[in-house]
Amino acid sequence: MAIEFFKQFNITAGFTTADEGDGFGIRDRMALEAEKTGGLVVRAKQVHGIDVCIIDKEALKDAPYVEIDDCDGLITNLKNVTLTMSHGDCIPVYVYDPKKHVIGLAHAGWRGTADCVVNAMIYWMTEEYKCKPKDIHAVVGPGIGACCFEVDSDVVDYFTDGMPWTEDYMWQMANGKYRVDLKGINCELLEIEGIPTENIEISSECTCCEKNKNRFFSYRRDKTAKRMLAYIKQ
């Protein structure tokens, strides 16, 4: 059953679970439902980068399902447009400005986190829609936790070369590898952008070690191509 966020606002945001099926099929079903009400579903074709696409009327086509190439962040102020991204362990980051009525969604794997995709998303919200960070609410959604995200020193160096403070979110293991807290880093990146701590929620759910294997697909655990779907609309 899908996990829902932002219940206090007049928007729909969530994260599907494995027992609902593969996210790609769910997105197709969403598009069919959206078409009935004149809505649209947008898919970001992710590349583990930091490019953020502004979804305005020019970006949309006369179809219920629109694909945006080479993109790991989406923002819009349009109504009845569902932003979606697929996730297999990477972290979904949802944002919403209730004053400017702007929504956003980012796909933050380790590389996107280290390259600050969430910062890019907040930047374009402030540039394009004049959002104020103090008004933005965010959810760092389900994804691989520090309990399971084990990496070599080259990944650690990639983070710390640009952001030395990320050492606080890393622990060296007895085998010489490191555990990294991607959710914690993304939370701090949001705070660096000026989003109040009290406006940020962090999911404690790890997609990799969840005891109920039917709850989440996990690439690291199962090497599966199946994905969950993160989505947000207003």
C-alpha atoms as a PDB file:
ATOM      1  CA  MET A   1       0.000   0.000   0.000  1.00  0.00           C
ATOM      2  CA  ALA A   2       1.397   3.406  -0.976  1.00  0.00           C
ATOM      3  CA  ILE A   3       3.049   5.605   1.643  1.00  0.00           C
ATOM      4  CA  GLU A   4       1.451   9.060   1.665  1.00  0.00           C
ATOM      5  CA  PHE A   5       3.073  12.425   2.490  1.00  0.00           C
ATOM      6  CA  PHE A   6       1.897  16.042   2.843  1.00  0.00           C
ATOM      7  CA  LYS A   7      -1.504  15.084   4.212  1.00  0.00           C
ATOM      8  CA  GLN A   8      -1.825  18.561   5.714  1.00  0.00           C
ATOM      9  CA  PHE A   9      -1.793  20.202   2.271  1.00  0.00           C
ATOM     10  CA  ASN A  10      -4.175  19.963  -0.643  1.00  0.00           C
ATOM     11  CA  ILE A  11      -1.809  17.805  -2.682  1.00  0.00           C
ATOM     12  CA  THR A  12      -1.187  14.121  -3.318  1.00  0.00           C
ATOM     13  CA  ALA A  13       2.306  12.777  -2.715  1.00  0.00           C
ATOM     14  CA  GLY A  14       3.540   9.279  -2.063  1.00  0.00           C
ATOM     15  CA  PHE A  15       5.792   6.327  -2.642  1.00  0.00           C
ATOM     16  CA  THR A  16       4.483   3.022  -3.945  1.00  0.00           C
ATOM     17  CA  THR A  17       5.309  -0.335  -2.392  1.00  0.00           C
ATOM     18  CA  ALA A  18       6.302  -3.564  -4.089  1.00  0.00           C
ATOM     19  CA  ASP A  19       2.990  -5.257  -3.336  1.00  0.00           C
ATOM     20  CA  GLU A  20       1.329  -2.703  -5.658  1.00  0.00           C
ATOM     21  CA  GLY A  21       3.511  -3.824  -8.561  1.00  0.00           C
ATOM     22  CA  ASP A  22       6.366  -2.339 -10.537  1.00  0.00           C
ATOM     23  CA  GLY A  23       6.428   1.457 -10.630  1.00  0.00           C
ATOM     24  CA  PHE A  24       6.568   1.575 -14.420  1.00  0.00           C
ATOM     25  CA  GLY A  25       3.201  -0.195 -14.684  1.00  0.00           C
ATOM     26  CA  ILE A  26       1.732   1.978 -11.932  1.00  0.00           C
ATOM     27  CA  ARG A  27       2.769   5.083 -13.866  1.00  0.00           C
ATOM     28  CA  ASP A  28       0.937   3.824 -16.951  1.00  0.00           C
ATOM     29  CA  ARG A  29      -2.199   3.342 -14.878  1.00  0.00           C
ATOM     30  CA  MET A  30      -1.804   6.834 -13.402  1.00  0.00           C
ATOM     31  CA  ALA A  31      -1.621   8.289 -16.907  1.00  0.00           C
ATOM     32  CA  LEU A  32      -4.860   6.593 -17.928  1.00  0.00           C
ATOM     33  CA  GLU A  33      -6.616   7.930 -14.831  1.00  0.00           C
ATOM     34  CA  ALA A  34      -5.154  11.410 -15.340  1.00  0.00           C
ATOM     35  CA  GLU A  35      -6.432  11.507 -18.922  1.00  0.00           C
ATOM     36  CA  LYS A  36     -10.014  11.126 -17.672  1.00  0.00           C
ATOM     37  CA  THR A  37      -9.766  14.446 -15.820  1.00  0.00           C
ATOM     38  CA  GLY A  38      -7.590  16.283 -18.338  1.00  0.00           C
ATOM     39  CA  GLY A  39      -4.459  15.733 -16.261  1.00  0.00           C
ATOM     40  CA  LEU A  40      -0.944  14.693 -17.133  1.00  0.00           C
ATOM     41  CA  VAL A  41       1.746  12.429 -15.716  1.00  0.00           C
ATOM     42  CA  VAL A  42       5.377  13.471 -16.149  1.00  0.00           C
ATOM     43  CA  ARG A  43       8.205  10.963 -16.082  1.00  0.00           C
ATOM     44  CA  ALA A  44      11.806  12.020 -15.539  1.00  0.00           C
ATOM     45  CA  LYS A  45      14.231   9.726 -17.382  1.00  0.00           C
ATOM     46  CA  GLN A  46      16.876   9.771 -14.667  1.00  0.00           C
ATOM     47  CA  VAL A  47      20.642   9.758 -15.201  1.00  0.00           C
ATOM     48  CA  HIS A  48      21.944  10.261 -11.623  1.00  0.00           C
ATOM     49  CA  GLY A  49      22.663  13.902 -12.412  1.00  0.00           C
ATOM     50  CA  ILE A  50      21.515  17.264 -11.056  1.00  0.00           C
ATOM     51  CA  ASP A  51      19.559  18.738 -13.966  1.00  0.00           C
ATOM     52  CA  VAL A  52      16.186  20.086 -12.879  1.00  0.00           C
ATOM     53  CA  CYS A  53      13.373  20.534 -15.416  1.00  0.00           C
ATOM     54  CA  ILE A  54      10.729  23.230 -14.984  1.00  0.00           C
ATOM     55  CA  ILE A  55       7.397  21.769 -16.052  1.00  0.00           C
ATOM     56  CA  ASP A  56       5.433  24.608 -17.622  1.00  0.00           C
ATOM     57  CA  LYS A  57       2.821  24.527 -20.361  1.00  0.00           C
ATOM     58  CA  GLU A  58       5.517  24.606 -23.032  1.00  0.00           C
ATOM     59  CA  ALA A  59       7.082  21.426 -21.617  1.00  0.00           C
ATOM     60  CA  LEU A  60       3.819  19.513 -21.869  1.00  0.00           C
ATOM     61  CA  LYS A  61       2.374  17.814 -24.910  1.00  0.00           C
ATOM     62  CA  ASP A  62      -1.182  16.834 -25.789  1.00  0.00           C
ATOM     63  CA  ALA A  63      -0.800  13.437 -24.168  1.00  0.00           C
ATOM     64  CA  PRO A  64      -1.506  11.974 -20.724  1.00  0.00           C
ATOM     65  CA  TYR A  65       2.096  10.841 -20.351  1.00  0.00           C
ATOM     66  CA  VAL A  66       5.141  13.064 -20.931  1.00  0.00           C
ATOM     67  CA  GLU A  67       8.779  11.943 -20.705  1.00  0.00           C
ATOM     68  CA  ILE A  68      11.612  14.343 -19.862  1.00  0.00           C
ATOM     69  CA  ASP A  69      15.076  13.147 -20.889  1.00  0.00           C
ATOM     70  CA  ASP A  70      18.235  13.381 -18.755  1.00  0.00           C
ATOM     71  CA  CYS A  71      16.640  14.838 -15.670  1.00  0.00           C
ATOM     72  CA  ASP A  72      16.764  14.092 -11.929  1.00  0.00           C
ATOM     73  CA  GLY A  73      14.630  16.939 -10.612  1.00  0.00           C
ATOM     74  CA  LEU A  74      11.188  18.242 -11.554  1.00  0.00           C
ATOM     75  CA  ILE A  75       9.331  21.355 -10.371  1.00  0.00           C
ATOM     76  CA  THR A  76       6.015  22.904 -11.369  1.00  0.00           C
ATOM     77  CA  ASN A  77       3.267  25.239 -10.253  1.00  0.00           C
ATOM     78  CA  LEU A  78       0.687  23.654 -12.565  1.00  0.00           C
ATOM     79  CA  LYS A  79      -2.427  21.958 -11.247  1.00  0.00           C
ATOM     80  CA  ASN A  80      -3.405  18.389 -12.159  1.00  0.00           C
ATOM     81  CA  VAL A  81       0.142  17.488 -13.220  1.00  0.00           C
ATOM     82  CA  THR A  82       1.715  14.485 -11.485  1.00  0.00           C
ATOM     83  CA  LEU A  83       5.517  14.483 -11.237  1.00  0.00           C
ATOM     84  CA  THR A  84       7.019  10.984 -11.017  1.00  0.00           C
ATOM     85  CA  MET A  85      10.379   9.259 -10.613  1.00  0.00           C
ATOM     86  CA  SER A  86      11.327   5.603 -10.233  1.00  0.00           C
ATOM     87  CA  HIS A  87      13.422   4.395  -7.284  1.00  0.00           C
ATOM     88  CA  GLY A  88      15.187   1.144  -6.512  1.00  0.00           C
ATOM     89  CA  ASP A  89      17.160   2.269  -3.409  1.00  0.00           C
ATOM     90  CA  CYS A  90      17.935   5.921  -4.240  1.00  0.00           C
ATOM     91  CA  ILE A  91      16.346   8.607  -2.105  1.00  0.00           C
ATOM     92  CA  PRO A  92      13.225  10.505  -3.248  1.00  0.00           C
ATOM     93  CA  VAL A  93      13.055  14.093  -1.990  1.00  0.00           C
ATOM     94  CA  TYR A  94       9.679  15.832  -2.123  1.00  0.00           C
ATOM     95  CA  VAL A  95       9.192  19.582  -1.700  1.00  0.00           C
ATOM     96  CA  TYR A  96       6.175  21.867  -1.566  1.00  0.00           C
ATOM     97  CA  ASP A  97       5.700  25.608  -1.106  1.00  0.00           C
ATOM     98  CA  PRO A  98       2.129  26.161   0.142  1.00  0.00           C
ATOM     99  CA  LYS A  99       2.346  29.928  -0.455  1.00  0.00           C
ATOM    100  CA  LYS A 100       3.511  29.863  -4.080  1.00  0.00           C
ATOM    101  CA  HIS A 101       1.801  26.513  -4.787  1.00  0.00           C
ATOM    102  CA  VAL A 102       4.946  24.943  -6.238  1.00  0.00           C
ATOM    103  CA  ILE A 103       5.813  21.257  -5.979  1.00  0.00           C
ATOM    104  CA  GLY A 104       9.071  19.433  -6.690  1.00  0.00           C
ATOM    105  CA  LEU A 105      10.555  15.967  -6.730  1.00  0.00           C
ATOM    106  CA  ALA A 106      14.204  14.879  -6.870  1.00  0.00           C
ATOM    107  CA  HIS A 107      15.962  11.549  -7.378  1.00  0.00           C
ATOM    108  CA  ALA A 108      18.970  11.508  -5.041  1.00  0.00           C
ATOM    109  CA  GLY A 109      21.246   8.512  -5.390  1.00  0.00           C
ATOM    110  CA  TRP A 110      24.729   8.730  -3.916  1.00  0.00           C
ATOM    111  CA  ARG A 111      26.093  10.692  -6.862  1.00  0.00           C
ATOM    112  CA  GLY A 112      23.091  13.016  -7.068  1.00  0.00           C
ATOM    113  CA  THR A 113      23.356  13.579  -3.327  1.00  0.00           C
ATOM    114  CA  ALA A 114      27.074  14.345  -3.532  1.00  0.00           C
ATOM    115  CA  ASP A 115      26.477  16.700  -6.479  1.00  0.00           C
ATOM    116  CA  CYS A 116      23.614  18.409  -4.586  1.00  0.00           C
ATOM    117  CA  VAL A 117      20.560  17.734  -6.760  1.00  0.00           C
ATOM    118  CA  VAL A 118      18.269  18.938  -3.951  1.00  0.00           C
ATOM    119  CA  ASN A 119      20.117  22.262  -3.829  1.00  0.00           C
ATOM    120  CA  ALA A 120      19.597  22.633  -7.568  1.00  0.00           C
ATOM    121  CA  MET A 121      15.887  21.960  -7.114  1.00  0.00           C
ATOM    122  CA  ILE A 122      15.528  24.602  -4.387  1.00  0.00           C
ATOM    123  CA  TYR A 123      17.574  27.068  -6.464  1.00  0.00           C
ATOM    124  CA  TRP A 124      15.195  26.794  -9.414  1.00  0.00           C
ATOM    125  CA  MET A 125      12.145  27.057  -7.163  1.00  0.00           C
ATOM    126  CA  THR A 126      13.467  30.377  -5.883  1.00  0.00           C
ATOM    127  CA  GLU A 127      14.596  31.597  -9.323  1.00  0.00           C
ATOM    128  CA  GLU A 128      11.606  30.547 -11.400  1.00  0.00           C
ATOM    129  CA  TYR A 129       8.758  30.871  -8.916  1.00  0.00           C
ATOM    130  CA  LYS A 130      10.203  33.275  -6.303  1.00  0.00           C
ATOM    131  CA  CYS A 131       9.736  30.721  -3.527  1.00  0.00           C
ATOM    132  CA  LYS A 132      11.256  31.523  -0.152  1.00  0.00           C
ATOM    133  CA  PRO A 133      13.137  28.618   1.469  1.00  0.00           C
ATOM    134  CA  LYS A 134      11.554  29.374   4.852  1.00  0.00           C
ATOM    135  CA  ASP A 135       8.151  28.543   3.343  1.00  0.00           C
ATOM    136  CA  ILE A 136       9.173  25.246   1.737  1.00  0.00           C
ATOM    137  CA  HIS A 137       8.277  21.892   3.283  1.00  0.00           C
ATOM    138  CA  ALA A 138      10.239  18.741   2.428  1.00  0.00           C
ATOM    139  CA  VAL A 139      10.160  14.991   2.905  1.00  0.00           C
ATOM    140  CA  VAL A 140      13.251  12.818   2.506  1.00  0.00           C
ATOM    141  CA  GLY A 141      11.490   9.622   1.570  1.00  0.00           C
ATOM    142  CA  PRO A 142      12.157   5.884   1.840  1.00  0.00           C
ATOM    143  CA  GLY A 143      15.443   4.668   0.416  1.00  0.00           C
ATOM    144  CA  ILE A 144      18.554   2.776   1.358  1.00  0.00           C
ATOM    145  CA  GLY A 145      19.640   3.593   4.904  1.00  0.00           C
ATOM    146  CA  ALA A 146      23.048   3.945   6.483  1.00  0.00           C
ATOM    147  CA  CYS A 147      22.410   0.470   7.877  1.00  0.00           C
ATOM    148  CA  CYS A 148      22.865  -0.975   4.371  1.00  0.00           C
ATOM    149  CA  PHE A 149      24.638   1.564   2.164  1.00  0.00           C
ATOM    150  CA  GLU A 150      28.217   0.299   2.249  1.00  0.00           C
ATOM    151  CA  VAL A 151      30.783   1.878  -0.101  1.00  0.00           C
ATOM    152  CA  ASP A 152      34.496   2.023  -0.840  1.00  0.00           C
ATOM    153  CA  SER A 153      36.764   4.943  -0.017  1.00  0.00           C
ATOM    154  CA  ASP A 154      36.469   6.444  -3.512  1.00  0.00           C
ATOM    155  CA  VAL A 155      32.808   7.258  -2.862  1.00  0.00           C
ATOM    156  CA  VAL A 156      33.725   8.774   0.505  1.00  0.00           C
ATOM    157  CA  ASP A 157      36.372  10.913  -1.200  1.00  0.00           C
ATOM    158  CA  TYR A 158      33.818  12.067  -3.794  1.00  0.00           C
ATOM    159  CA  PHE A 159      31.655  13.428  -0.994  1.00  0.00           C
ATOM    160  CA  THR A 160      34.300  14.882   1.281  1.00  0.00           C
ATOM    161  CA  ASP A 161      36.371  16.576  -1.439  1.00  0.00           C
ATOM    162  CA  GLY A 162      33.533  19.023  -2.002  1.00  0.00           C
ATOM    163  CA  MET A 163      31.723  18.814   1.326  1.00  0.00           C
ATOM    164  CA  PRO A 164      34.069  17.944   4.217  1.00  0.00           C
ATOM    165  CA  TRP A 165      31.169  18.103   6.683  1.00  0.00           C
ATOM    166  CA  THR A 166      29.688  14.931   5.176  1.00  0.00           C
ATOM    167  CA  GLU A 167      32.248  12.980   7.228  1.00  0.00           C
ATOM    168  CA  ASP A 168      29.743  13.308  10.068  1.00  0.00           C
ATOM    169  CA  TYR A 169      27.421  11.018   8.106  1.00  0.00           C
ATOM    170  CA  MET A 170      29.997   8.274   7.431  1.00  0.00           C
ATOM    171  CA  TRP A 171      31.380   5.413   9.499  1.00  0.00           C
ATOM    172  CA  GLN A 172      34.281   3.128   8.659  1.00  0.00           C
ATOM    173  CA  MET A 173      33.597  -0.582   9.097  1.00  0.00           C
ATOM    174  CA  ALA A 174      35.931  -3.345  10.248  1.00  0.00           C
ATOM    175  CA  ASN A 175      36.250  -4.529   6.627  1.00  0.00           C
ATOM    176  CA  GLY A 176      37.657  -1.149   5.581  1.00  0.00           C
ATOM    177  CA  LYS A 177      34.477  -0.059   3.805  1.00  0.00           C
ATOM    178  CA  TYR A 178      32.216   2.804   4.903  1.00  0.00           C
ATOM    179  CA  ARG A 179      28.558   3.228   5.721  1.00  0.00           C
ATOM    180  CA  VAL A 180      27.006   6.462   4.426  1.00  0.00           C
ATOM    181  CA  ASP A 181      23.786   8.137   5.583  1.00  0.00           C
ATOM    182  CA  LEU A 182      22.346   9.570   2.364  1.00  0.00           C
ATOM    183  CA  LYS A 183      19.119  10.647   4.054  1.00  0.00           C
ATOM    184  CA  GLY A 184      21.002  12.628   6.690  1.00  0.00           C
ATOM    185  CA  ILE A 185      23.144  14.350   4.068  1.00  0.00           C
ATOM    186  CA  ASN A 186      20.089  15.316   2.009  1.00  0.00           C
ATOM    187  CA  CYS A 187      18.406  16.683   5.119  1.00  0.00           C
ATOM    188  CA  GLU A 188      21.425  18.879   5.875  1.00  0.00           C
ATOM    189  CA  LEU A 189      21.589  20.038   2.259  1.00  0.00           C
ATOM    190  CA  LEU A 190      17.975  21.199   2.559  1.00  0.00           C
ATOM    191  CA  GLU A 191      18.806  23.031   5.791  1.00  0.00           C
ATOM    192  CA  ILE A 192      21.811  24.676   4.102  1.00  0.00           C
ATOM    193  CA  GLU A 193      19.381  26.068   1.522  1.00  0.00           C
ATOM    194  CA  GLY A 194      17.421  27.709   4.350  1.00  0.00           C
ATOM    195  CA  ILE A 195      14.545  25.255   4.790  1.00  0.00           C
ATOM    196  CA  PRO A 196      13.632  25.191   8.504  1.00  0.00           C
ATOM    197  CA  THR A 197      14.417  21.966  10.325  1.00  0.00           C
ATOM    198  CA  GLU A 198      10.824  21.744  11.537  1.00  0.00           C
ATOM    199  CA  ASN A 199       9.658  21.727   7.897  1.00  0.00           C
ATOM    200  CA  ILE A 200      11.669  18.602   7.028  1.00  0.00           C
ATOM    201  CA  GLU A 201      10.551  15.028   7.585  1.00  0.00           C
ATOM    202  CA  ILE A 202      12.828  12.012   7.119  1.00  0.00           C
ATOM    203  CA  SER A 203      11.520   8.509   6.476  1.00  0.00           C
ATOM    204  CA  SER A 204      13.165   5.878   8.665  1.00  0.00           C
ATOM    205  CA  GLU A 205      12.327   3.092   6.212  1.00  0.00           C
ATOM    206  CA  CYS A 206      15.223   1.337   4.477  1.00  0.00           C
ATOM    207  CA  THR A 207      14.338  -0.193   1.118  1.00  0.00           C
ATOM    208  CA  CYS A 208      17.171  -2.714   1.415  1.00  0.00           C
ATOM    209  CA  CYS A 209      16.696  -4.326   4.834  1.00  0.00           C
ATOM    210  CA  GLU A 210      12.938  -3.991   5.317  1.00  0.00           C
ATOM    211  CA  LYS A 211      11.868  -7.271   6.944  1.00  0.00           C
ATOM    212  CA  ASN A 212       8.833  -7.557   4.695  1.00  0.00           C
ATOM    213  CA  LYS A 213      10.477  -8.278   1.341  1.00  0.00           C
ATOM    214  CA  ASN A 214       7.162  -7.538  -0.408  1.00  0.00           C
ATOM    215  CA  ARG A 215       7.231  -3.921   0.770  1.00  0.00           C
ATOM    216  CA  PHE A 216      10.090  -2.547  -1.343  1.00  0.00           C
ATOM    217  CA  PHE A 217      12.117  -3.521  -4.384  1.00  0.00           C
ATOM    218  CA  SER A 218      15.846  -3.130  -3.740  1.00  0.00           C
ATOM    219  CA  TYR A 219      18.552  -3.194  -6.379  1.00  0.00           C
ATOM    220  CA  ARG A 220      21.295  -3.643  -3.789  1.00  0.00           C
ATOM    221  CA  ARG A 221      19.542  -6.545  -2.105  1.00  0.00           C
ATOM    222  CA  ASP A 222      18.125  -8.384  -5.136  1.00  0.00           C
ATOM    223  CA  LYS A 223      19.778  -6.832  -8.233  1.00  0.00           C
ATOM    224  CA  THR A 224      16.255  -6.375  -9.580  1.00  0.00           C
ATOM    225  CA  ALA A 225      15.232  -4.014 -12.370  1.00  0.00           C
ATOM    226  CA  LYS A 226      11.871  -3.415 -10.688  1.00  0.00           C
ATOM    227  CA  ARG A 227      11.296  -0.030  -9.066  1.00  0.00           C
ATOM    228  CA  MET A 228       8.973   1.839  -6.733  1.00  0.00           C
ATOM    229  CA  LEU A 229       7.386   5.081  -7.889  1.00  0.00           C
ATOM    230  CA  ALA A 230       7.663   8.456  -6.157  1.00  0.00           C
ATOM    231  CA  TYR A 231       4.922  10.895  -7.144  1.00  0.00           C
ATOM    232  CA  ILE A 232       3.517  14.307  -6.245  1.00  0.00           C
ATOM    233  CA  LYS A 233       0.692  16.449  -7.677  1.00  0.00           C
ATOM    234  CA  GLN A 234      -1.530  19.364  -6.685  1.00  0.00           C
END
